Amino acid sequence: MPHSSPAFARALRSFVVSRAPLAHCRAVHAPPARTLVTARRVLTQQHQPWASGSRRSMFIQTEQTPNEESLKFIPGVDVMGSSGSAEFLDTRSALASPLAIRLMGIDGVKAVFYGPDFVTVSKDTETPWPVLKPEIYSTLMEHFSANAPLFRSQEERDAAGPQDTRILDTDSETVAMIKELLDTRVRPAIMEDGGDIEYRGFSDDGIVSVKLKGSCRGCDSSTVTLKSGIERMLMHYIPEVTGVEQVLDQEETIALDEFAKFEQQLAQKQKQDSPMAAFMSP
């Protein structure tokens, strides 16, 4: 296998990296280490004929993410399990999943992401979470308490999982090493923030192209995460890597441009409000 070279084996054995760089978004936004809100629903045999006992409790926890417009919902059961992740950015893509199509039908919800044991819901900027949470809770509890299928068919479920880091016979040793590190080291850290990373390619000049998904999509600190964590790690263990670049959708490009303009305006306003500004003006 291309990824079983002695050099790569030594690299993985000696791999000791703090998760702080990869989770830099958390450090930048400084949310609580773990903020959980619990929703509880008691099911009786009268409401659910399949219930084996007289009462059954279900808890859905919510956890903050570095992205203020994304929230991580943890139902306490497997979502994608070992199948990886799946992302739905519009109604058309959500047709493969009954749960996703229902969540996307809630006013204000603009994206749904499935992780191994969580669902990340992203909203627009106009709709506050207190308005959305009750309906999201209700939809999730109804789906998981009924043990309903996540996808309409097994084929759609298989296709939804990450195929990007599957090592192919045609992959070079370098590409195989990149995929291995992304899958075993980077992906678990990013999933803690309710997101995922997708390998998009490796250029002749050593640039690794990746796509951030879930709560990491459009996150203000995604560039810092890429440069201070992922890029540094890949360049350290794989000399052929010269950099890491994020593949952006048109919507993400516009959002980042608007954020850059906002930062410039804020810096200009702070400069004008400075006590020294009056003395420096002509």
C-alpha atoms as a PDB file:
ATOM      1  CA  MET A   1       0.000   0.000   0.000  1.00  0.00           C
ATOM      2  CA  PRO A   2       1.333   3.465  -0.817  1.00  0.00           C
ATOM      3  CA  HIS A   3       0.698   4.864   2.644  1.00  0.00           C
ATOM      4  CA  SER A   4       2.553   2.119   4.517  1.00  0.00           C
ATOM      5  CA  SER A   5       6.076   3.376   3.804  1.00  0.00           C
ATOM      6  CA  PRO A   6       8.542   3.336   6.744  1.00  0.00           C
ATOM      7  CA  ALA A   7       8.831   7.131   6.627  1.00  0.00           C
ATOM      8  CA  PHE A   8       5.076   7.621   6.889  1.00  0.00           C
ATOM      9  CA  ALA A   9       4.794   4.983   9.628  1.00  0.00           C
ATOM     10  CA  ARG A  10       7.444   6.802  11.647  1.00  0.00           C
ATOM     11  CA  ALA A  11       5.670  10.092  11.057  1.00  0.00           C
ATOM     12  CA  LEU A  12       2.389   8.766  12.383  1.00  0.00           C
ATOM     13  CA  ARG A  13       4.047   7.071  15.364  1.00  0.00           C
ATOM     14  CA  SER A  14       5.849  10.262  16.294  1.00  0.00           C
ATOM     15  CA  PHE A  15       2.866  12.465  15.562  1.00  0.00           C
ATOM     16  CA  VAL A  16       2.187  14.616  18.598  1.00  0.00           C
ATOM     17  CA  VAL A  17       0.219  17.721  17.842  1.00  0.00           C
ATOM     18  CA  SER A  18      -1.919  19.847  20.075  1.00  0.00           C
ATOM     19  CA  ARG A  19      -5.516  20.202  19.045  1.00  0.00           C
ATOM     20  CA  ALA A  20      -5.362  23.886  19.889  1.00  0.00           C
ATOM     21  CA  PRO A  21      -4.216  24.958  16.393  1.00  0.00           C
ATOM     22  CA  LEU A  22      -6.855  22.859  14.648  1.00  0.00           C
ATOM     23  CA  ALA A  23      -9.504  24.132  17.044  1.00  0.00           C
ATOM     24  CA  HIS A  24      -8.341  27.723  16.748  1.00  0.00           C
ATOM     25  CA  CYS A  25     -11.880  28.817  15.979  1.00  0.00           C
ATOM     26  CA  ARG A  26     -12.827  27.951  19.549  1.00  0.00           C
ATOM     27  CA  ALA A  27      -9.932  29.980  20.922  1.00  0.00           C
ATOM     28  CA  VAL A  28     -10.769  32.992  18.765  1.00  0.00           C
ATOM     29  CA  HIS A  29     -14.431  33.123  19.703  1.00  0.00           C
ATOM     30  CA  ALA A  30     -13.770  31.862  23.247  1.00  0.00           C
ATOM     31  CA  PRO A  31     -17.107  30.128  23.846  1.00  0.00           C
ATOM     32  CA  PRO A  32     -17.584  28.036  26.978  1.00  0.00           C
ATOM     33  CA  ALA A  33     -15.706  24.760  26.830  1.00  0.00           C
ATOM     34  CA  ARG A  34     -18.979  22.905  26.496  1.00  0.00           C
ATOM     35  CA  THR A  35     -22.359  24.607  26.658  1.00  0.00           C
ATOM     36  CA  LEU A  36     -25.234  22.169  26.691  1.00  0.00           C
ATOM     37  CA  VAL A  37     -28.949  22.755  26.657  1.00  0.00           C
ATOM     38  CA  THR A  38     -31.082  19.663  27.153  1.00  0.00           C
ATOM     39  CA  ALA A  39     -34.478  18.985  25.654  1.00  0.00           C
ATOM     40  CA  ARG A  40     -36.416  16.114  27.189  1.00  0.00           C
ATOM     41  CA  ARG A  41     -39.375  14.239  25.835  1.00  0.00           C
ATOM     42  CA  VAL A  42     -41.154  11.410  27.677  1.00  0.00           C
ATOM     43  CA  LEU A  43     -42.717   8.844  25.359  1.00  0.00           C
ATOM     44  CA  THR A  44     -45.481   6.513  26.499  1.00  0.00           C
ATOM     45  CA  GLN A  45     -46.780   3.354  24.924  1.00  0.00           C
ATOM     46  CA  GLN A  46     -49.946   5.207  24.025  1.00  0.00           C
ATOM     47  CA  HIS A  47     -47.984   7.651  21.883  1.00  0.00           C
ATOM     48  CA  GLN A  48     -45.536   5.105  20.463  1.00  0.00           C
ATOM     49  CA  PRO A  49     -47.026   1.615  19.996  1.00  0.00           C
ATOM     50  CA  TRP A  50     -43.598   0.119  19.415  1.00  0.00           C
ATOM     51  CA  ALA A  51     -42.296   1.135  22.862  1.00  0.00           C
ATOM     52  CA  SER A  52     -41.362  -1.886  24.945  1.00  0.00           C
ATOM     53  CA  GLY A  53     -41.636  -0.138  28.314  1.00  0.00           C
ATOM     54  CA  SER A  54     -44.200   2.083  29.880  1.00  0.00           C
ATOM     55  CA  ARG A  55     -42.012   5.184  29.597  1.00  0.00           C
ATOM     56  CA  ARG A  56     -38.993   6.177  27.539  1.00  0.00           C
ATOM     57  CA  SER A  57     -36.936   9.342  27.850  1.00  0.00           C
ATOM     58  CA  MET A  58     -35.014  11.030  25.045  1.00  0.00           C
ATOM     59  CA  PHE A  59     -32.521  13.846  25.442  1.00  0.00           C
ATOM     60  CA  ILE A  60     -31.205  16.148  22.745  1.00  0.00           C
ATOM     61  CA  GLN A  61     -28.248  18.288  23.712  1.00  0.00           C
ATOM     62  CA  THR A  62     -27.075  21.413  21.944  1.00  0.00           C
ATOM     63  CA  GLU A  63     -23.487  22.582  21.790  1.00  0.00           C
ATOM     64  CA  GLN A  64     -22.150  25.910  20.602  1.00  0.00           C
ATOM     65  CA  THR A  65     -19.822  26.044  17.610  1.00  0.00           C
ATOM     66  CA  PRO A  66     -17.302  28.746  16.612  1.00  0.00           C
ATOM     67  CA  ASN A  67     -19.811  29.867  13.991  1.00  0.00           C
ATOM     68  CA  GLU A  68     -22.584  31.889  15.622  1.00  0.00           C
ATOM     69  CA  GLU A  69     -24.982  30.903  12.847  1.00  0.00           C
ATOM     70  CA  SER A  70     -24.459  27.147  13.374  1.00  0.00           C
ATOM     71  CA  LEU A  71     -25.535  24.993  16.297  1.00  0.00           C
ATOM     72  CA  LYS A  72     -24.638  21.381  17.017  1.00  0.00           C
ATOM     73  CA  PHE A  73     -27.521  19.106  18.089  1.00  0.00           C
ATOM     74  CA  ILE A  74     -26.562  15.827  19.804  1.00  0.00           C
ATOM     75  CA  PRO A  75     -29.467  13.329  19.953  1.00  0.00           C
ATOM     76  CA  GLY A  76     -27.614  10.707  21.996  1.00  0.00           C
ATOM     77  CA  VAL A  77     -27.769   8.123  19.199  1.00  0.00           C
ATOM     78  CA  ASP A  78     -25.751   7.515  16.060  1.00  0.00           C
ATOM     79  CA  VAL A  79     -26.509   9.798  13.140  1.00  0.00           C
ATOM     80  CA  MET A  80     -24.073   8.832  10.374  1.00  0.00           C
ATOM     81  CA  GLY A  81     -22.123   6.514  12.656  1.00  0.00           C
ATOM     82  CA  SER A  82     -19.005   5.148  11.000  1.00  0.00           C
ATOM     83  CA  SER A  83     -20.274   6.294   7.583  1.00  0.00           C
ATOM     84  CA  GLY A  84     -18.698   9.728   8.078  1.00  0.00           C
ATOM     85  CA  SER A  85     -20.677  12.866   7.269  1.00  0.00           C
ATOM     86  CA  ALA A  86     -23.184  14.372   4.854  1.00  0.00           C
ATOM     87  CA  GLU A  87     -24.040  17.981   4.025  1.00  0.00           C
ATOM     88  CA  PHE A  88     -27.190  19.501   2.566  1.00  0.00           C
ATOM     89  CA  LEU A  89     -27.036  23.084   1.321  1.00  0.00           C
ATOM     90  CA  ASP A  90     -30.376  23.308  -0.485  1.00  0.00           C
ATOM     91  CA  THR A  91     -33.705  21.553  -0.835  1.00  0.00           C
ATOM     92  CA  ARG A  92     -32.604  19.598  -3.876  1.00  0.00           C
ATOM     93  CA  SER A  93     -29.672  17.944  -2.127  1.00  0.00           C
ATOM     94  CA  ALA A  94     -31.822  17.323   0.958  1.00  0.00           C
ATOM     95  CA  LEU A  95     -34.257  15.158  -1.005  1.00  0.00           C
ATOM     96  CA  ALA A  96     -32.046  12.139  -0.265  1.00  0.00           C
ATOM     97  CA  SER A  97     -32.806  12.433   3.462  1.00  0.00           C
ATOM     98  CA  PRO A  98     -36.301  12.711   5.004  1.00  0.00           C
ATOM     99  CA  LEU A  99     -34.880  14.411   8.098  1.00  0.00           C
ATOM    100  CA  ALA A 100     -32.823  16.908   6.128  1.00  0.00           C
ATOM    101  CA  ILE A 101     -35.775  17.902   3.928  1.00  0.00           C
ATOM    102  CA  ARG A 102     -37.881  18.568   7.034  1.00  0.00           C
ATOM    103  CA  LEU A 103     -35.157  20.637   8.685  1.00  0.00           C
ATOM    104  CA  MET A 104     -34.562  22.609   5.492  1.00  0.00           C
ATOM    105  CA  GLY A 105     -38.288  23.343   5.414  1.00  0.00           C
ATOM    106  CA  ILE A 106     -38.041  25.327   8.655  1.00  0.00           C
ATOM    107  CA  ASP A 107     -37.995  29.064   7.933  1.00  0.00           C
ATOM    108  CA  GLY A 108     -34.525  30.419   8.655  1.00  0.00           C
ATOM    109  CA  VAL A 109     -32.598  27.138   8.220  1.00  0.00           C
ATOM    110  CA  LYS A 110     -30.143  27.310   5.326  1.00  0.00           C
ATOM    111  CA  ALA A 111     -27.958  24.195   5.751  1.00  0.00           C
ATOM    112  CA  VAL A 112     -27.916  20.821   7.511  1.00  0.00           C
ATOM    113  CA  PHE A 113     -24.861  18.711   8.280  1.00  0.00           C
ATOM    114  CA  TYR A 114     -24.762  15.133   9.611  1.00  0.00           C
ATOM    115  CA  GLY A 115     -21.799  13.962  11.682  1.00  0.00           C
ATOM    116  CA  PRO A 116     -21.186  10.575  13.307  1.00  0.00           C
ATOM    117  CA  ASP A 117     -23.363  11.380  16.336  1.00  0.00           C
ATOM    118  CA  PHE A 118     -24.604  14.925  15.793  1.00  0.00           C
ATOM    119  CA  VAL A 119     -26.577  17.182  13.462  1.00  0.00           C
ATOM    120  CA  THR A 120     -25.320  20.702  12.764  1.00  0.00           C
ATOM    121  CA  VAL A 121     -27.971  23.185  11.684  1.00  0.00           C
ATOM    122  CA  SER A 122     -26.960  26.503  10.116  1.00  0.00           C
ATOM    123  CA  LYS A 123     -29.329  29.461   9.914  1.00  0.00           C
ATOM    124  CA  ASP A 124     -29.531  32.835   8.245  1.00  0.00           C
ATOM    125  CA  THR A 125     -28.487  35.955  10.107  1.00  0.00           C
ATOM    126  CA  GLU A 126     -31.995  37.368  10.449  1.00  0.00           C
ATOM    127  CA  THR A 127     -33.629  34.530  12.390  1.00  0.00           C
ATOM    128  CA  PRO A 128     -32.675  34.209  16.096  1.00  0.00           C
ATOM    129  CA  TRP A 129     -31.999  30.784  17.625  1.00  0.00           C
ATOM    130  CA  PRO A 130     -34.794  31.065  20.239  1.00  0.00           C
ATOM    131  CA  VAL A 131     -37.267  31.126  17.350  1.00  0.00           C
ATOM    132  CA  LEU A 132     -35.722  28.147  15.546  1.00  0.00           C
ATOM    133  CA  LYS A 133     -34.766  25.821  18.397  1.00  0.00           C
ATOM    134  CA  PRO A 134     -38.247  24.574  19.403  1.00  0.00           C
ATOM    135  CA  GLU A 135     -39.125  23.417  15.886  1.00  0.00           C
ATOM    136  CA  ILE A 136     -35.681  21.886  15.337  1.00  0.00           C
ATOM    137  CA  TYR A 137     -35.938  20.028  18.659  1.00  0.00           C
ATOM    138  CA  SER A 138     -39.383  18.744  17.744  1.00  0.00           C
ATOM    139  CA  THR A 139     -38.282  17.561  14.296  1.00  0.00           C
ATOM    140  CA  LEU A 140     -35.193  15.785  15.616  1.00  0.00           C
ATOM    141  CA  MET A 141     -37.000  14.117  18.494  1.00  0.00           C
ATOM    142  CA  GLU A 142     -39.808  12.889  16.276  1.00  0.00           C
ATOM    143  CA  HIS A 143     -37.341  11.428  13.775  1.00  0.00           C
ATOM    144  CA  PHE A 144     -34.950   9.696  16.167  1.00  0.00           C
ATOM    145  CA  SER A 145     -37.575   8.495  18.664  1.00  0.00           C
ATOM    146  CA  ALA A 146     -39.391   6.780  15.782  1.00  0.00           C
ATOM    147  CA  ASN A 147     -36.114   5.195  14.636  1.00  0.00           C
ATOM    148  CA  ALA A 148     -36.861   6.474  11.137  1.00  0.00           C
ATOM    149  CA  PRO A 149     -34.298   5.934   8.351  1.00  0.00           C
ATOM    150  CA  LEU A 150     -31.883   8.796   7.794  1.00  0.00           C
ATOM    151  CA  PHE A 151     -31.810   8.289   4.007  1.00  0.00           C
ATOM    152  CA  ARG A 152     -34.363   7.070   1.504  1.00  0.00           C
ATOM    153  CA  SER A 153     -32.131   4.229   0.350  1.00  0.00           C
ATOM    154  CA  GLN A 154     -28.879   2.511   1.253  1.00  0.00           C
ATOM    155  CA  GLU A 155     -27.376   3.694  -2.029  1.00  0.00           C
ATOM    156  CA  GLU A 156     -28.031   7.343  -1.124  1.00  0.00           C
ATOM    157  CA  ARG A 157     -26.535   6.804   2.322  1.00  0.00           C
ATOM    158  CA  ASP A 158     -23.380   5.220   0.883  1.00  0.00           C
ATOM    159  CA  ALA A 159     -23.001   8.064  -1.604  1.00  0.00           C
ATOM    160  CA  ALA A 160     -23.408  10.716   1.112  1.00  0.00           C
ATOM    161  CA  GLY A 161     -20.415   9.595   3.186  1.00  0.00           C
ATOM    162  CA  PRO A 162     -16.974  11.118   2.607  1.00  0.00           C
ATOM    163  CA  GLN A 163     -15.332   9.527  -0.421  1.00  0.00           C
ATOM    164  CA  ASP A 164     -12.566  12.102  -0.624  1.00  0.00           C
ATOM    165  CA  THR A 165     -10.015  10.432   1.671  1.00  0.00           C
ATOM    166  CA  ARG A 166     -10.458   6.914   0.361  1.00  0.00           C
ATOM    167  CA  ILE A 167      -6.997   5.846  -0.783  1.00  0.00           C
ATOM    168  CA  LEU A 168      -7.013   4.637  -4.376  1.00  0.00           C
ATOM    169  CA  ASP A 169      -4.564   2.408  -6.199  1.00  0.00           C
ATOM    170  CA  THR A 170      -3.816   5.330  -8.516  1.00  0.00           C
ATOM    171  CA  ASP A 171      -2.846   7.665  -5.658  1.00  0.00           C
ATOM    172  CA  SER A 172       0.799   8.572  -5.294  1.00  0.00           C
ATOM    173  CA  GLU A 173       2.506   8.015  -1.962  1.00  0.00           C
ATOM    174  CA  THR A 174       2.262  11.737  -1.215  1.00  0.00           C
ATOM    175  CA  VAL A 175      -1.475  11.892  -1.901  1.00  0.00           C
ATOM    176  CA  ALA A 176      -2.032   8.767   0.199  1.00  0.00           C
ATOM    177  CA  MET A 177      -0.166  10.349   3.110  1.00  0.00           C
ATOM    178  CA  ILE A 178      -2.203  13.558   2.791  1.00  0.00           C
ATOM    179  CA  LYS A 179      -5.488  11.632   2.809  1.00  0.00           C
ATOM    180  CA  GLU A 180      -4.390   9.529   5.774  1.00  0.00           C
ATOM    181  CA  LEU A 181      -3.510  12.557   7.891  1.00  0.00           C
ATOM    182  CA  LEU A 182      -6.673  14.450   6.946  1.00  0.00           C
ATOM    183  CA  ASP A 183      -8.853  11.465   7.773  1.00  0.00           C
ATOM    184  CA  THR A 184      -7.212  10.307  11.007  1.00  0.00           C
ATOM    185  CA  ARG A 185      -5.894  13.546  12.523  1.00  0.00           C
ATOM    186  CA  VAL A 186      -7.638  16.596  11.082  1.00  0.00           C
ATOM    187  CA  ARG A 187     -11.196  15.364  10.557  1.00  0.00           C
ATOM    188  CA  PRO A 188     -11.837  14.257  14.176  1.00  0.00           C
ATOM    189  CA  ALA A 189     -10.657  17.630  15.526  1.00  0.00           C
ATOM    190  CA  ILE A 190     -12.815  19.623  13.122  1.00  0.00           C
ATOM    191  CA  MET A 191     -15.852  17.446  13.836  1.00  0.00           C
ATOM    192  CA  GLU A 192     -15.636  18.533  17.471  1.00  0.00           C
ATOM    193  CA  ASP A 193     -16.680  21.948  16.197  1.00  0.00           C
ATOM    194  CA  GLY A 194     -19.609  20.498  14.248  1.00  0.00           C
ATOM    195  CA  GLY A 195     -17.863  20.564  10.871  1.00  0.00           C
ATOM    196  CA  ASP A 196     -15.800  18.461   8.485  1.00  0.00           C
ATOM    197  CA  ILE A 197     -13.019  18.762   5.935  1.00  0.00           C
ATOM    198  CA  GLU A 198     -13.040  17.436   2.384  1.00  0.00           C
ATOM    199  CA  TYR A 199      -9.947  16.709   0.296  1.00  0.00           C
ATOM    200  CA  ARG A 200     -10.211  18.300  -3.157  1.00  0.00           C
ATOM    201  CA  GLY A 201      -6.795  17.727  -4.727  1.00  0.00           C
ATOM    202  CA  PHE A 202      -3.023  18.102  -4.745  1.00  0.00           C
ATOM    203  CA  SER A 203      -1.357  20.287  -7.380  1.00  0.00           C
ATOM    204  CA  ASP A 204       2.024  19.881  -9.051  1.00  0.00           C
ATOM    205  CA  ASP A 205       3.349  22.866  -7.093  1.00  0.00           C
ATOM    206  CA  GLY A 206       2.490  21.255  -3.752  1.00  0.00           C
ATOM    207  CA  ILE A 207      -0.798  22.959  -2.891  1.00  0.00           C
ATOM    208  CA  VAL A 208      -3.411  20.855  -1.080  1.00  0.00           C
ATOM    209  CA  SER A 209      -6.978  21.967  -1.853  1.00  0.00           C
ATOM    210  CA  VAL A 210      -9.593  21.328   0.829  1.00  0.00           C
ATOM    211  CA  LYS A 211     -13.213  22.216   1.487  1.00  0.00           C
ATOM    212  CA  LEU A 212     -14.541  23.062   4.955  1.00  0.00           C
ATOM    213  CA  LYS A 213     -18.090  21.915   5.684  1.00  0.00           C
ATOM    214  CA  GLY A 214     -20.750  22.136   8.366  1.00  0.00           C
ATOM    215  CA  SER A 215     -20.209  24.843  10.994  1.00  0.00           C
ATOM    216  CA  CYS A 216     -16.743  25.538   9.545  1.00  0.00           C
ATOM    217  CA  ARG A 217     -18.300  26.684   6.271  1.00  0.00           C
ATOM    218  CA  GLY A 218     -18.104  30.461   6.209  1.00  0.00           C
ATOM    219  CA  CYS A 219     -16.588  30.654   9.690  1.00  0.00           C
ATOM    220  CA  ASP A 220     -14.590  33.860  10.169  1.00  0.00           C
ATOM    221  CA  SER A 221     -11.625  31.946  11.588  1.00  0.00           C
ATOM    222  CA  SER A 222     -11.464  29.239   8.922  1.00  0.00           C
ATOM    223  CA  THR A 223      -8.381  30.815   7.341  1.00  0.00           C
ATOM    224  CA  VAL A 224      -6.574  30.784  10.680  1.00  0.00           C
ATOM    225  CA  THR A 225      -7.538  27.139  11.178  1.00  0.00           C
ATOM    226  CA  LEU A 226      -6.155  26.225   7.766  1.00  0.00           C
ATOM    227  CA  LYS A 227      -2.879  28.116   8.096  1.00  0.00           C
ATOM    228  CA  SER A 228      -1.984  27.680  11.760  1.00  0.00           C
ATOM    229  CA  GLY A 229      -3.148  24.088  12.093  1.00  0.00           C
ATOM    230  CA  ILE A 230      -3.723  22.035   8.963  1.00  0.00           C
ATOM    231  CA  GLU A 231      -1.106  23.613   6.705  1.00  0.00           C
ATOM    232  CA  ARG A 232       1.597  23.566   9.348  1.00  0.00           C
ATOM    233  CA  MET A 233       0.993  19.921  10.181  1.00  0.00           C
ATOM    234  CA  LEU A 234       0.937  18.715   6.567  1.00  0.00           C
ATOM    235  CA  MET A 235       4.066  20.684   5.665  1.00  0.00           C
ATOM    236  CA  HIS A 236       5.873  19.287   8.705  1.00  0.00           C
ATOM    237  CA  TYR A 237       5.260  15.626   7.894  1.00  0.00           C
ATOM    238  CA  ILE A 238       5.043  15.778   4.105  1.00  0.00           C
ATOM    239  CA  PRO A 239       7.886  17.832   2.565  1.00  0.00           C
ATOM    240  CA  GLU A 240       6.154  17.841  -0.826  1.00  0.00           C
ATOM    241  CA  VAL A 241       3.338  20.011   0.580  1.00  0.00           C
ATOM    242  CA  THR A 242       3.984  23.739   0.150  1.00  0.00           C
ATOM    243  CA  GLY A 243       0.623  25.072   1.286  1.00  0.00           C
ATOM    244  CA  VAL A 244      -3.083  24.499   1.874  1.00  0.00           C
ATOM    245  CA  GLU A 245      -5.862  26.424   0.165  1.00  0.00           C
ATOM    246  CA  GLN A 246      -9.584  26.402   0.799  1.00  0.00           C
ATOM    247  CA  VAL A 247     -12.013  25.861  -2.063  1.00  0.00           C
ATOM    248  CA  LEU A 248     -14.814  28.402  -1.672  1.00  0.00           C
ATOM    249  CA  ASP A 249     -18.340  28.469  -3.027  1.00  0.00           C
ATOM    250  CA  GLN A 250     -19.590  31.728  -4.533  1.00  0.00           C
ATOM    251  CA  GLU A 251     -21.705  32.404  -1.436  1.00  0.00           C
ATOM    252  CA  GLU A 252     -18.701  31.889   0.851  1.00  0.00           C
ATOM    253  CA  THR A 253     -16.530  34.184  -1.267  1.00  0.00           C
ATOM    254  CA  ILE A 254     -19.120  36.955  -1.019  1.00  0.00           C
ATOM    255  CA  ALA A 255     -19.479  36.444   2.750  1.00  0.00           C
ATOM    256  CA  LEU A 256     -15.720  36.623   3.323  1.00  0.00           C
ATOM    257  CA  ASP A 257     -15.453  39.742   1.163  1.00  0.00           C
ATOM    258  CA  GLU A 258     -18.219  41.408   3.157  1.00  0.00           C
ATOM    259  CA  PHE A 259     -16.509  40.449   6.422  1.00  0.00           C
ATOM    260  CA  ALA A 260     -13.221  41.941   5.194  1.00  0.00           C
ATOM    261  CA  LYS A 261     -15.006  45.188   4.287  1.00  0.00           C
ATOM    262  CA  PHE A 262     -16.642  45.272   7.723  1.00  0.00           C
ATOM    263  CA  GLU A 263     -13.262  44.838   9.437  1.00  0.00           C
ATOM    264  CA  GLN A 264     -11.826  47.712   7.384  1.00  0.00           C
ATOM    265  CA  GLN A 265     -14.749  49.974   8.289  1.00  0.00           C
ATOM    266  CA  LEU A 266     -14.415  49.067  11.968  1.00  0.00           C
ATOM    267  CA  ALA A 267     -10.682  49.775  11.952  1.00  0.00           C
ATOM    268  CA  GLN A 268     -11.300  53.120  10.243  1.00  0.00           C
ATOM    269  CA  LYS A 269     -13.962  54.066  12.802  1.00  0.00           C
ATOM    270  CA  GLN A 270     -11.688  53.157  15.715  1.00  0.00           C
ATOM    271  CA  LYS A 271      -8.965  55.284  14.197  1.00  0.00           C
ATOM    272  CA  GLN A 272     -11.332  58.244  13.836  1.00  0.00           C
ATOM    273  CA  ASP A 273     -12.603  57.831  17.404  1.00  0.00           C
ATOM    274  CA  SER A 274      -9.072  57.792  18.820  1.00  0.00           C
ATOM    275  CA  PRO A 275      -8.262  60.771  21.103  1.00  0.00           C
ATOM    276  CA  MET A 276      -5.205  61.441  18.959  1.00  0.00           C
ATOM    277  CA  ALA A 277      -7.303  61.780  15.813  1.00  0.00           C
ATOM    278  CA  ALA A 278      -8.205  65.403  16.595  1.00  0.00           C
ATOM    279  CA  PHE A 279      -4.540  66.365  16.874  1.00  0.00           C
ATOM    280  CA  MET A 280      -3.556  64.498  13.725  1.00  0.00           C
ATOM    281  CA  SER A 281      -6.267  66.024  11.524  1.00  0.00           C
ATOM    282  CA  PRO A 282      -5.172  69.053   9.405  1.00  0.00           C
END
